[in-house]
Amino acid sequence: MQLNKDMERIEKLKEFLLSDPNDSFVKHALALEYVKIGDVAEARRLFEELLANDPAAVGSYYHLGKLLEGIGESTLALSWYEKGMVAAKAAGEKRAYNELRAAYDELSEE
């Protein structure tokens, strides 16, 4: 039953993207839905596409990094955390910077 609800949300978000394919908020939400159902490849594609088009979408760096950590791509995750810290600092997003820094530090200590 939950999978049906997840798929309904995914379809609705895809409809929203049709009207504005570069909507970072919708693309981020869609990527998170794909993470939730275990479609890591699609979630990764969406996060990477989002960040290529909108490098100021600070929250997406953390989620992409965590996704990459989860599939064993630690070096790439560290790289995305670094890019996110740069973007967060530029945007004055201290909380996001601190979260990215903590994720970076935790992963680099492993």
PDB file of N, CA and C in Angstrom:
ATOM      1  N   MET A   1       0.820  -1.203   0.000  1.00  0.00           N
ATOM      2  CA  MET A   1       0.000   0.000   0.000  1.00  0.00           C
ATOM      3  C   MET A   1       0.860   1.262   0.000  1.00  0.00           C
ATOM      4  N   GLN A   2       1.924   1.242   0.824  1.00  0.00           N
ATOM      5  CA  GLN A   2       2.801   2.410   0.886  1.00  0.00           C
ATOM      6  C   GLN A   2       3.481   2.661  -0.460  1.00  0.00           C
ATOM      7  N   LEU A   3       3.857   1.564  -1.142  1.00  0.00           N
ATOM      8  CA  LEU A   3       4.513   1.716  -2.439  1.00  0.00           C
ATOM      9  C   LEU A   3       3.593   2.423  -3.427  1.00  0.00           C
ATOM     10  N   ASN A   4       2.296   2.128  -3.361  1.00  0.00           N
ATOM     11  CA  ASN A   4       1.340   2.809  -4.246  1.00  0.00           C
ATOM     12  C   ASN A   4       1.327   4.313  -3.978  1.00  0.00           C
ATOM     13  N   LYS A   5       1.335   4.686  -2.696  1.00  0.00           N
ATOM     14  CA  LYS A   5       1.352   6.112  -2.337  1.00  0.00           C
ATOM     15  C   LYS A   5       2.643   6.770  -2.809  1.00  0.00           C
ATOM     16  N   ASP A   6       3.759   6.043  -2.627  1.00  0.00           N
ATOM     17  CA  ASP A   6       5.045   6.573  -3.089  1.00  0.00           C
ATOM     18  C   ASP A   6       5.019   6.781  -4.599  1.00  0.00           C
ATOM     19  N   MET A   7       4.481   5.821  -5.321  1.00  0.00           N
ATOM     20  CA  MET A   7       4.430   5.927  -6.779  1.00  0.00           C
ATOM     21  C   MET A   7       3.498   7.063  -7.213  1.00  0.00           C
ATOM     22  N   GLU A   8       2.416   7.257  -6.479  1.00  0.00           N
ATOM     23  CA  GLU A   8       1.513   8.375  -6.775  1.00  0.00           C
ATOM     24  C   GLU A   8       2.236   9.704  -6.602  1.00  0.00           C
ATOM     25  N   ARG A   9       3.012   9.826  -5.528  1.00  0.00           N
ATOM     26  CA  ARG A   9       3.777  11.057  -5.308  1.00  0.00           C
ATOM     27  C   ARG A   9       4.804  11.254  -6.417  1.00  0.00           C
ATOM     28  N   ILE A  10       5.448  10.175  -6.804  1.00  0.00           N
ATOM     29  CA  ILE A  10       6.440  10.253  -7.879  1.00  0.00           C
ATOM     30  C   ILE A  10       5.780  10.726  -9.174  1.00  0.00           C
ATOM     31  N   GLU A  11       4.641  10.162  -9.510  1.00  0.00           N
ATOM     32  CA  GLU A  11       3.945  10.569 -10.744  1.00  0.00           C
ATOM     33  C   GLU A  11       3.524  12.035 -10.679  1.00  0.00           C
ATOM     34  N   LYS A  12       3.041  12.472  -9.532  1.00  0.00           N
ATOM     35  CA  LYS A  12       2.624  13.867  -9.370  1.00  0.00           C
ATOM     36  C   LYS A  12       3.821  14.806  -9.520  1.00  0.00           C
ATOM     37  N   LEU A  13       4.940  14.459  -8.905  1.00  0.00           N
ATOM     38  CA  LEU A  13       6.147  15.283  -9.010  1.00  0.00           C
ATOM     39  C   LEU A  13       6.663  15.316 -10.448  1.00  0.00           C
ATOM     40  N   LYS A  14       6.566  14.191 -11.145  1.00  0.00           N
ATOM     41  CA  LYS A  14       6.988  14.152 -12.553  1.00  0.00           C
ATOM     42  C   LYS A  14       6.109  15.068 -13.405  1.00  0.00           C
ATOM     43  N   GLU A  15       4.824  15.130 -13.067  1.00  0.00           N
ATOM     44  CA  GLU A  15       3.909  16.045 -13.768  1.00  0.00           C
ATOM     45  C   GLU A  15       4.340  17.495 -13.542  1.00  0.00           C
ATOM     46  N   PHE A  16       4.676  17.820 -12.298  1.00  0.00           N
ATOM     47  CA  PHE A  16       5.135  19.181 -11.996  1.00  0.00           C
ATOM     48  C   PHE A  16       6.394  19.518 -12.796  1.00  0.00           C
ATOM     49  N   LEU A  17       7.292  18.545 -12.927  1.00  0.00           N
ATOM     50  CA  LEU A  17       8.531  18.780 -13.667  1.00  0.00           C
ATOM     51  C   LEU A  17       8.284  19.015 -15.154  1.00  0.00           C
ATOM     52  N   LEU A  18       7.213  18.441 -15.677  1.00  0.00           N
ATOM     53  CA  LEU A  18       6.896  18.663 -17.085  1.00  0.00           C
ATOM     54  C   LEU A  18       6.639  20.139 -17.360  1.00  0.00           C
ATOM     55  N   SER A  19       5.999  20.813 -16.409  1.00  0.00           N
ATOM     56  CA  SER A  19       5.708  22.235 -16.599  1.00  0.00           C
ATOM     57  C   SER A  19       6.926  23.119 -16.336  1.00  0.00           C
ATOM     58  N   ASP A  20       7.865  22.646 -15.514  1.00  0.00           N
ATOM     59  CA  ASP A  20       9.094  23.396 -15.246  1.00  0.00           C
ATOM     60  C   ASP A  20      10.222  22.401 -14.974  1.00  0.00           C
ATOM     61  N   PRO A  21      10.880  21.928 -16.032  1.00  0.00           N
ATOM     62  CA  PRO A  21      11.894  20.878 -15.900  1.00  0.00           C
ATOM     63  C   PRO A  21      13.100  21.242 -15.038  1.00  0.00           C
ATOM     64  N   ASN A  22      13.300  22.513 -14.768  1.00  0.00           N
ATOM     65  CA  ASN A  22      14.454  22.921 -13.960  1.00  0.00           C
ATOM     66  C   ASN A  22      14.072  23.384 -12.564  1.00  0.00           C
ATOM     67  N   ASP A  23      12.895  23.006 -12.103  1.00  0.00           N
ATOM     68  CA  ASP A  23      12.461  23.375 -10.758  1.00  0.00           C
ATOM     69  C   ASP A  23      13.266  22.554  -9.745  1.00  0.00           C
ATOM     70  N   SER A  24      14.216  23.196  -9.108  1.00  0.00           N
ATOM     71  CA  SER A  24      15.119  22.502  -8.190  1.00  0.00           C
ATOM     72  C   SER A  24      14.387  21.878  -7.011  1.00  0.00           C
ATOM     73  N   PHE A  25      13.397  22.575  -6.485  1.00  0.00           N
ATOM     74  CA  PHE A  25      12.655  22.049  -5.334  1.00  0.00           C
ATOM     75  C   PHE A  25      11.944  20.751  -5.698  1.00  0.00           C
ATOM     76  N   VAL A  26      11.271  20.747  -6.840  1.00  0.00           N
ATOM     77  CA  VAL A  26      10.528  19.562  -7.275  1.00  0.00           C
ATOM     78  C   VAL A  26      11.499  18.425  -7.605  1.00  0.00           C
ATOM     79  N   LYS A  27      12.593  18.750  -8.261  1.00  0.00           N
ATOM     80  CA  LYS A  27      13.575  17.727  -8.624  1.00  0.00           C
ATOM     81  C   LYS A  27      14.182  17.105  -7.367  1.00  0.00           C
ATOM     82  N   HIS A  28      14.455  17.934  -6.356  1.00  0.00           N
ATOM     83  CA  HIS A  28      14.987  17.440  -5.081  1.00  0.00           C
ATOM     84  C   HIS A  28      13.966  16.503  -4.417  1.00  0.00           C
ATOM     85  N   ALA A  29      12.716  16.937  -4.382  1.00  0.00           N
ATOM     86  CA  ALA A  29      11.662  16.118  -3.775  1.00  0.00           C
ATOM     87  C   ALA A  29      11.504  14.790  -4.516  1.00  0.00           C
ATOM     88  N   LEU A  30      11.577  14.833  -5.834  1.00  0.00           N
ATOM     89  CA  LEU A  30      11.452  13.615  -6.634  1.00  0.00           C
ATOM     90  C   LEU A  30      12.629  12.673  -6.350  1.00  0.00           C
ATOM     91  N   ALA A  31      13.825  13.220  -6.273  1.00  0.00           N
ATOM     92  CA  ALA A  31      14.996  12.393  -5.965  1.00  0.00           C
ATOM     93  C   ALA A  31      14.827  11.706  -4.603  1.00  0.00           C
ATOM     94  N   LEU A  32      14.322  12.434  -3.615  1.00  0.00           N
ATOM     95  CA  LEU A  32      14.106  11.843  -2.294  1.00  0.00           C
ATOM     96  C   LEU A  32      13.071  10.715  -2.341  1.00  0.00           C
ATOM     97  N   GLU A  33      12.060  10.879  -3.180  1.00  0.00           N
ATOM     98  CA  GLU A  33      11.063   9.809  -3.332  1.00  0.00           C
ATOM     99  C   GLU A  33      11.705   8.561  -3.929  1.00  0.00           C
ATOM    100  N   TYR A  34      12.593   8.757  -4.892  1.00  0.00           N
ATOM    101  CA  TYR A  34      13.288   7.608  -5.475  1.00  0.00           C
ATOM    102  C   TYR A  34      14.210   6.942  -4.452  1.00  0.00           C
ATOM    103  N   VAL A  35      14.841   7.728  -3.596  1.00  0.00           N
ATOM    104  CA  VAL A  35      15.652   7.155  -2.525  1.00  0.00           C
ATOM    105  C   VAL A  35      14.759   6.280  -1.645  1.00  0.00           C
ATOM    106  N   LYS A  36      13.595   6.801  -1.318  1.00  0.00           N
ATOM    107  CA  LYS A  36      12.665   6.099  -0.431  1.00  0.00           C
ATOM    108  C   LYS A  36      12.260   4.729  -0.976  1.00  0.00           C
ATOM    109  N   ILE A  37      12.082   4.622  -2.296  1.00  0.00           N
ATOM    110  CA  ILE A  37      11.667   3.326  -2.871  1.00  0.00           C
ATOM    111  C   ILE A  37      12.869   2.474  -3.306  1.00  0.00           C
ATOM    112  N   GLY A  38      14.086   2.998  -3.070  1.00  0.00           N
ATOM    113  CA  GLY A  38      15.279   2.211  -3.359  1.00  0.00           C
ATOM    114  C   GLY A  38      15.817   2.327  -4.774  1.00  0.00           C
ATOM    115  N   ASP A  39      15.312   3.284  -5.550  1.00  0.00           N
ATOM    116  CA  ASP A  39      15.829   3.488  -6.906  1.00  0.00           C
ATOM    117  C   ASP A  39      16.984   4.491  -6.828  1.00  0.00           C
ATOM    118  N   VAL A  40      18.125   3.977  -6.390  1.00  0.00           N
ATOM    119  CA  VAL A  40      19.294   4.811  -6.148  1.00  0.00           C
ATOM    120  C   VAL A  40      19.811   5.445  -7.438  1.00  0.00           C
ATOM    121  N   ALA A  41      19.780   4.697  -8.521  1.00  0.00           N
ATOM    122  CA  ALA A  41      20.304   5.216  -9.792  1.00  0.00           C
ATOM    123  C   ALA A  41      19.520   6.435 -10.259  1.00  0.00           C
ATOM    124  N   GLU A  42      18.200   6.372 -10.170  1.00  0.00           N
ATOM    125  CA  GLU A  42      17.379   7.506 -10.606  1.00  0.00           C
ATOM    126  C   GLU A  42      17.536   8.686  -9.653  1.00  0.00           C
ATOM    127  N   ALA A  43      17.599   8.406  -8.364  1.00  0.00           N
ATOM    128  CA  ALA A  43      17.804   9.480  -7.380  1.00  0.00           C
ATOM    129  C   ALA A  43      19.140  10.168  -7.641  1.00  0.00           C
ATOM    130  N   ARG A  44      20.163   9.391  -7.873  1.00  0.00           N
ATOM    131  CA  ARG A  44      21.489   9.955  -8.137  1.00  0.00           C
ATOM    132  C   ARG A  44      21.475  10.817  -9.394  1.00  0.00           C
ATOM    133  N   ARG A  45      20.845  10.311 -10.444  1.00  0.00           N
ATOM    134  CA  ARG A  45      20.763  11.061 -11.697  1.00  0.00           C
ATOM    135  C   ARG A  45      20.088  12.410 -11.477  1.00  0.00           C
ATOM    136  N   LEU A  46      18.990  12.402 -10.730  1.00  0.00           N
ATOM    137  CA  LEU A  46      18.253  13.636 -10.471  1.00  0.00           C
ATOM    138  C   LEU A  46      19.070  14.626  -9.633  1.00  0.00           C
ATOM    139  N   PHE A  47      19.707  14.133  -8.567  1.00  0.00           N
ATOM    140  CA  PHE A  47      20.525  15.028  -7.742  1.00  0.00           C
ATOM    141  C   PHE A  47      21.669  15.630  -8.561  1.00  0.00           C
ATOM    142  N   GLU A  48      22.341  14.800  -9.349  1.00  0.00           N
ATOM    143  CA  GLU A  48      23.467  15.303 -10.140  1.00  0.00           C
ATOM    144  C   GLU A  48      23.000  16.314 -11.185  1.00  0.00           C
ATOM    145  N   GLU A  49      21.867  16.029 -11.821  1.00  0.00           N
ATOM    146  CA  GLU A  49      21.297  16.950 -12.811  1.00  0.00           C
ATOM    147  C   GLU A  49      20.897  18.270 -12.146  1.00  0.00           C
ATOM    148  N   LEU A  50      20.263  18.158 -10.998  1.00  0.00           N
ATOM    149  CA  LEU A  50      19.837  19.342 -10.244  1.00  0.00           C
ATOM    150  C   LEU A  50      21.045  20.220  -9.911  1.00  0.00           C
ATOM    151  N   LEU A  51      22.090  19.613  -9.378  1.00  0.00           N
ATOM    152  CA  LEU A  51      23.256  20.395  -8.957  1.00  0.00           C
ATOM    153  C   LEU A  51      24.045  20.941 -10.142  1.00  0.00           C
ATOM    154  N   ALA A  52      23.989  20.269 -11.274  1.00  0.00           N
ATOM    155  CA  ALA A  52      24.638  20.797 -12.480  1.00  0.00           C
ATOM    156  C   ALA A  52      23.926  22.065 -12.946  1.00  0.00           C
ATOM    157  N   ASN A  53      22.603  22.083 -12.807  1.00  0.00           N
ATOM    158  CA  ASN A  53      21.808  23.235 -13.242  1.00  0.00           C
ATOM    159  C   ASN A  53      21.667  24.308 -12.171  1.00  0.00           C
ATOM    160  N   ASP A  54      21.771  23.912 -10.902  1.00  0.00           N
ATOM    161  CA  ASP A  54      21.564  24.851  -9.801  1.00  0.00           C
ATOM    162  C   ASP A  54      22.559  24.565  -8.672  1.00  0.00           C
ATOM    163  N   PRO A  55      23.820  24.981  -8.860  1.00  0.00           N
ATOM    164  CA  PRO A  55      24.833  24.695  -7.841  1.00  0.00           C
ATOM    165  C   PRO A  55      24.556  25.348  -6.490  1.00  0.00           C
ATOM    166  N   ALA A  56      23.599  26.255  -6.422  1.00  0.00           N
ATOM    167  CA  ALA A  56      23.256  26.899  -5.154  1.00  0.00           C
ATOM    168  C   ALA A  56      22.213  26.116  -4.357  1.00  0.00           C
ATOM    169  N   ALA A  57      21.769  24.970  -4.865  1.00  0.00           N
ATOM    170  CA  ALA A  57      20.779  24.142  -4.165  1.00  0.00           C
ATOM    171  C   ALA A  57      21.488  23.363  -3.054  1.00  0.00           C
ATOM    172  N   VAL A  58      21.817  24.066  -2.006  1.00  0.00           N
ATOM    173  CA  VAL A  58      22.714  23.574  -0.955  1.00  0.00           C
ATOM    174  C   VAL A  58      22.258  22.252  -0.336  1.00  0.00           C
ATOM    175  N   GLY A  59      20.979  22.086  -0.080  1.00  0.00           N
ATOM    176  CA  GLY A  59      20.489  20.874   0.580  1.00  0.00           C
ATOM    177  C   GLY A  59      20.721  19.602  -0.207  1.00  0.00           C
ATOM    178  N   SER A  60      20.806  19.719  -1.505  1.00  0.00           N
ATOM    179  CA  SER A  60      20.958  18.525  -2.344  1.00  0.00           C
ATOM    180  C   SER A  60      22.350  17.913  -2.245  1.00  0.00           C
ATOM    181  N   TYR A  61      23.343  18.696  -1.905  1.00  0.00           N
ATOM    182  CA  TYR A  61      24.704  18.156  -1.773  1.00  0.00           C
ATOM    183  C   TYR A  61      24.763  17.106  -0.670  1.00  0.00           C
ATOM    184  N   TYR A  62      24.126  17.404   0.440  1.00  0.00           N
ATOM    185  CA  TYR A  62      24.127  16.478   1.574  1.00  0.00           C
ATOM    186  C   TYR A  62      23.464  15.161   1.185  1.00  0.00           C
ATOM    187  N   HIS A  63      22.297  15.258   0.561  1.00  0.00           N
ATOM    188  CA  HIS A  63      21.552  14.047   0.211  1.00  0.00           C
ATOM    189  C   HIS A  63      22.277  13.220  -0.843  1.00  0.00           C
ATOM    190  N   LEU A  64      22.893  13.889  -1.813  1.00  0.00           N
ATOM    191  CA  LEU A  64      23.668  13.154  -2.807  1.00  0.00           C
ATOM    192  C   LEU A  64      24.870  12.492  -2.145  1.00  0.00           C
ATOM    193  N   GLY A  65      25.529  13.197  -1.255  1.00  0.00           N
ATOM    194  CA  GLY A  65      26.661  12.612  -0.545  1.00  0.00           C
ATOM    195  C   GLY A  65      26.259  11.383   0.247  1.00  0.00           C
ATOM    196  N   LYS A  66      25.155  11.467   0.961  1.00  0.00           N
ATOM    197  CA  LYS A  66      24.685  10.320   1.752  1.00  0.00           C
ATOM    198  C   LYS A  66      24.319   9.150   0.844  1.00  0.00           C
ATOM    199  N   LEU A  67      23.687   9.437  -0.289  1.00  0.00           N
ATOM    200  CA  LEU A  67      23.345   8.387  -1.241  1.00  0.00           C
ATOM    201  C   LEU A  67      24.621   7.686  -1.716  1.00  0.00           C
ATOM    202  N   LEU A  68      25.626   8.467  -2.065  1.00  0.00           N
ATOM    203  CA  LEU A  68      26.884   7.899  -2.548  1.00  0.00           C
ATOM    204  C   LEU A  68      27.594   7.107  -1.454  1.00  0.00           C
ATOM    205  N   GLU A  69      27.542   7.597  -0.232  1.00  0.00           N
ATOM    206  CA  GLU A  69      28.102   6.833   0.895  1.00  0.00           C
ATOM    207  C   GLU A  69      27.431   5.475   0.973  1.00  0.00           C
ATOM    208  N   GLY A  70      26.114   5.476   0.819  1.00  0.00           N
ATOM    209  CA  GLY A  70      25.332   4.254   0.943  1.00  0.00           C
ATOM    210  C   GLY A  70      25.665   3.196  -0.098  1.00  0.00           C
ATOM    211  N   ILE A  71      26.184   3.619  -1.229  1.00  0.00           N
ATOM    212  CA  ILE A  71      26.532   2.642  -2.273  1.00  0.00           C
ATOM    213  C   ILE A  71      28.049   2.440  -2.364  1.00  0.00           C
ATOM    214  N   GLY A  72      28.757   2.924  -1.332  1.00  0.00           N
ATOM    215  CA  GLY A  72      30.181   2.657  -1.233  1.00  0.00           C
ATOM    216  C   GLY A  72      31.083   3.565  -2.042  1.00  0.00           C
ATOM    217  N   GLU A  73      30.561   4.681  -2.531  1.00  0.00           N
ATOM    218  CA  GLU A  73      31.372   5.612  -3.313  1.00  0.00           C
ATOM    219  C   GLU A  73      31.828   6.773  -2.423  1.00  0.00           C
ATOM    220  N   SER A  74      32.648   6.431  -1.445  1.00  0.00           N
ATOM    221  CA  SER A  74      33.068   7.392  -0.423  1.00  0.00           C
ATOM    222  C   SER A  74      33.861   8.564  -0.996  1.00  0.00           C
ATOM    223  N   THR A  75      34.765   8.299  -1.920  1.00  0.00           N
ATOM    224  CA  THR A  75      35.582   9.372  -2.485  1.00  0.00           C
ATOM    225  C   THR A  75      34.713  10.394  -3.197  1.00  0.00           C
ATOM    226  N   LEU A  76      33.753   9.903  -3.951  1.00  0.00           N
ATOM    227  CA  LEU A  76      32.839  10.799  -4.651  1.00  0.00           C
ATOM    228  C   LEU A  76      31.948  11.545  -3.660  1.00  0.00           C
ATOM    229  N   ALA A  77      31.495  10.859  -2.619  1.00  0.00           N
ATOM    230  CA  ALA A  77      30.684  11.510  -1.583  1.00  0.00           C
ATOM    231  C   ALA A  77      31.458  12.662  -0.948  1.00  0.00           C
ATOM    232  N   LEU A  78      32.723  12.426  -0.622  1.00  0.00           N
ATOM    233  CA  LEU A  78      33.553  13.480  -0.033  1.00  0.00           C
ATOM    234  C   LEU A  78      33.658  14.683  -0.967  1.00  0.00           C
ATOM    235  N   SER A  79      33.799  14.415  -2.249  1.00  0.00           N
ATOM    236  CA  SER A  79      33.887  15.488  -3.235  1.00  0.00           C
ATOM    237  C   SER A  79      32.612  16.327  -3.262  1.00  0.00           C
ATOM    238  N   TRP A  80      31.457  15.660  -3.210  1.00  0.00           N
ATOM    239  CA  TRP A  80      30.184  16.398  -3.203  1.00  0.00           C
ATOM    240  C   TRP A  80      30.003  17.174  -1.902  1.00  0.00           C
ATOM    241  N   TYR A  81      30.429  16.600  -0.788  1.00  0.00           N
ATOM    242  CA  TYR A  81      30.360  17.343   0.473  1.00  0.00           C
ATOM    243  C   TYR A  81      31.217  18.609   0.388  1.00  0.00           C
ATOM    244  N   GLU A  82      32.415  18.487  -0.198  1.00  0.00           N
ATOM    245  CA  GLU A  82      33.290  19.655  -0.348  1.00  0.00           C
ATOM    246  C   GLU A  82      32.622  20.731  -1.204  1.00  0.00           C
ATOM    247  N   LYS A  83      32.049  20.322  -2.332  1.00  0.00           N
ATOM    248  CA  LYS A  83      31.362  21.281  -3.210  1.00  0.00           C
ATOM    249  C   LYS A  83      30.202  21.937  -2.464  1.00  0.00           C
ATOM    250  N   GLY A  84      29.504  21.137  -1.670  1.00  0.00           N
ATOM    251  CA  GLY A  84      28.389  21.658  -0.894  1.00  0.00           C
ATOM    252  C   GLY A  84      28.828  22.671   0.152  1.00  0.00           C
ATOM    253  N   MET A  85      29.964  22.401   0.779  1.00  0.00           N
ATOM    254  CA  MET A  85      30.469  23.348   1.775  1.00  0.00           C
ATOM    255  C   MET A  85      30.809  24.687   1.118  1.00  0.00           C
ATOM    256  N   VAL A  86      31.390  24.637  -0.063  1.00  0.00           N
ATOM    257  CA  VAL A  86      31.710  25.861  -0.796  1.00  0.00           C
ATOM    258  C   VAL A  86      30.423  26.623  -1.120  1.00  0.00           C
ATOM    259  N   ALA A  87      29.411  25.893  -1.610  1.00  0.00           N
ATOM    260  CA  ALA A  87      28.131  26.530  -1.965  1.00  0.00           C
ATOM    261  C   ALA A  87      27.436  27.093  -0.731  1.00  0.00           C
ATOM    262  N   ALA A  88      27.458  26.346   0.366  1.00  0.00           N
ATOM    263  CA  ALA A  88      26.810  26.795   1.599  1.00  0.00           C
ATOM    264  C   ALA A  88      27.495  28.038   2.146  1.00  0.00           C
ATOM    265  N   LYS A  89      28.817  28.047   2.105  1.00  0.00           N
ATOM    266  CA  LYS A  89      29.565  29.204   2.586  1.00  0.00           C
ATOM    267  C   LYS A  89      29.232  30.433   1.739  1.00  0.00           C
ATOM    268  N   ALA A  90      29.183  30.246   0.424  1.00  0.00           N
ATOM    269  CA  ALA A  90      28.871  31.359  -0.485  1.00  0.00           C
ATOM    270  C   ALA A  90      27.469  31.906  -0.240  1.00  0.00           C
ATOM    271  N   ALA A  91      26.548  31.017   0.139  1.00  0.00           N
ATOM    272  CA  ALA A  91      25.162  31.422   0.371  1.00  0.00           C
ATOM    273  C   ALA A  91      24.929  31.903   1.808  1.00  0.00           C
ATOM    274  N   GLY A  92      25.940  31.802   2.651  1.00  0.00           N
ATOM    275  CA  GLY A  92      25.775  32.196   4.047  1.00  0.00           C
ATOM    276  C   GLY A  92      24.907  31.229   4.836  1.00  0.00           C
ATOM    277  N   GLU A  93      24.853  29.984   4.387  1.00  0.00           N
ATOM    278  CA  GLU A  93      24.024  28.950   5.036  1.00  0.00           C
ATOM    279  C   GLU A  93      24.882  28.198   6.060  1.00  0.00           C
ATOM    280  N   LYS A  94      24.984  28.755   7.244  1.00  0.00           N
ATOM    281  CA  LYS A  94      25.861  28.185   8.270  1.00  0.00           C
ATOM    282  C   LYS A  94      25.424  26.790   8.721  1.00  0.00           C
ATOM    283  N   ARG A  95      24.138  26.615   8.895  1.00  0.00           N
ATOM    284  CA  ARG A  95      23.652  25.312   9.362  1.00  0.00           C
ATOM    285  C   ARG A  95      23.956  24.236   8.322  1.00  0.00           C
ATOM    286  N   ALA A  96      23.670  24.529   7.055  1.00  0.00           N
ATOM    287  CA  ALA A  96      23.945  23.565   5.988  1.00  0.00           C
ATOM    288  C   ALA A  96      25.443  23.283   5.905  1.00  0.00           C
ATOM    289  N   TYR A  97      26.248  24.335   6.033  1.00  0.00           N
ATOM    290  CA  TYR A  97      27.701  24.158   6.016  1.00  0.00           C
ATOM    291  C   TYR A  97      28.125  23.205   7.134  1.00  0.00           C
ATOM    292  N   ASN A  98      27.603  23.436   8.329  1.00  0.00           N
ATOM    293  CA  ASN A  98      27.974  22.595   9.474  1.00  0.00           C
ATOM    294  C   ASN A  98      27.553  21.145   9.275  1.00  0.00           C
ATOM    295  N   GLU A  99      26.369  20.915   8.696  1.00  0.00           N
ATOM    296  CA  GLU A  99      25.903  19.551   8.435  1.00  0.00           C
ATOM    297  C   GLU A  99      26.800  18.866   7.403  1.00  0.00           C
ATOM    298  N   LEU A 100      27.142  19.594   6.352  1.00  0.00           N
ATOM    299  CA  LEU A 100      28.033  19.043   5.327  1.00  0.00           C
ATOM    300  C   LEU A 100      29.422  18.771   5.911  1.00  0.00           C
ATOM    301  N   ARG A 101      29.908  19.675   6.722  1.00  0.00           N
ATOM    302  CA  ARG A 101      31.224  19.517   7.345  1.00  0.00           C
ATOM    303  C   ARG A 101      31.233  18.287   8.258  1.00  0.00           C
ATOM    304  N   ALA A 102      30.172  18.121   9.025  1.00  0.00           N
ATOM    305  CA  ALA A 102      30.079  16.968   9.925  1.00  0.00           C
ATOM    306  C   ALA A 102      30.055  15.658   9.132  1.00  0.00           C
ATOM    307  N   ALA A 103      29.281  15.632   8.051  1.00  0.00           N
ATOM    308  CA  ALA A 103      29.223  14.439   7.208  1.00  0.00           C
ATOM    309  C   ALA A 103      30.591  14.163   6.579  1.00  0.00           C
ATOM    310  N   TYR A 104      31.246  15.217   6.126  1.00  0.00           N
ATOM    311  CA  TYR A 104      32.581  15.093   5.529  1.00  0.00           C
ATOM    312  C   TYR A 104      33.570  14.540   6.556  1.00  0.00           C
ATOM    313  N   ASP A 105      33.584  15.149   7.732  1.00  0.00           N
ATOM    314  CA  ASP A 105      34.528  14.730   8.774  1.00  0.00           C
ATOM    315  C   ASP A 105      34.285  13.281   9.197  1.00  0.00           C
ATOM    316  N   GLU A 106      33.029  12.929   9.374  1.00  0.00           N
ATOM    317  CA  GLU A 106      32.691  11.571   9.792  1.00  0.00           C
ATOM    318  C   GLU A 106      33.140  10.557   8.745  1.00  0.00           C
ATOM    319  N   LEU A 107      32.902  10.841   7.480  1.00  0.00           N
ATOM    320  CA  LEU A 107      33.275   9.913   6.415  1.00  0.00           C
ATOM    321  C   LEU A 107      34.786   9.854   6.244  1.00  0.00           C
ATOM    322  N   SER A 108      35.456  10.973   6.357  1.00  0.00           N
ATOM    323  CA  SER A 108      36.902  10.982   6.133  1.00  0.00           C
ATOM    324  C   SER A 108      37.669  10.319   7.275  1.00  0.00           C
ATOM    325  N   GLU A 109      37.027  10.158   8.420  1.00  0.00           N
ATOM    326  CA  GLU A 109      37.669   9.487   9.564  1.00  0.00           C
ATOM    327  C   GLU A 109      37.564   7.966   9.468  1.00  0.00           C
ATOM    328  N   GLU A 110      36.710   7.473   8.597  1.00  0.00           N
ATOM    329  CA  GLU A 110      36.515   6.017   8.494  1.00  0.00           C
ATOM    330  C   GLU A 110      37.692   5.326   7.856  1.00  0.00           C
TER     331      GLU A 110
END
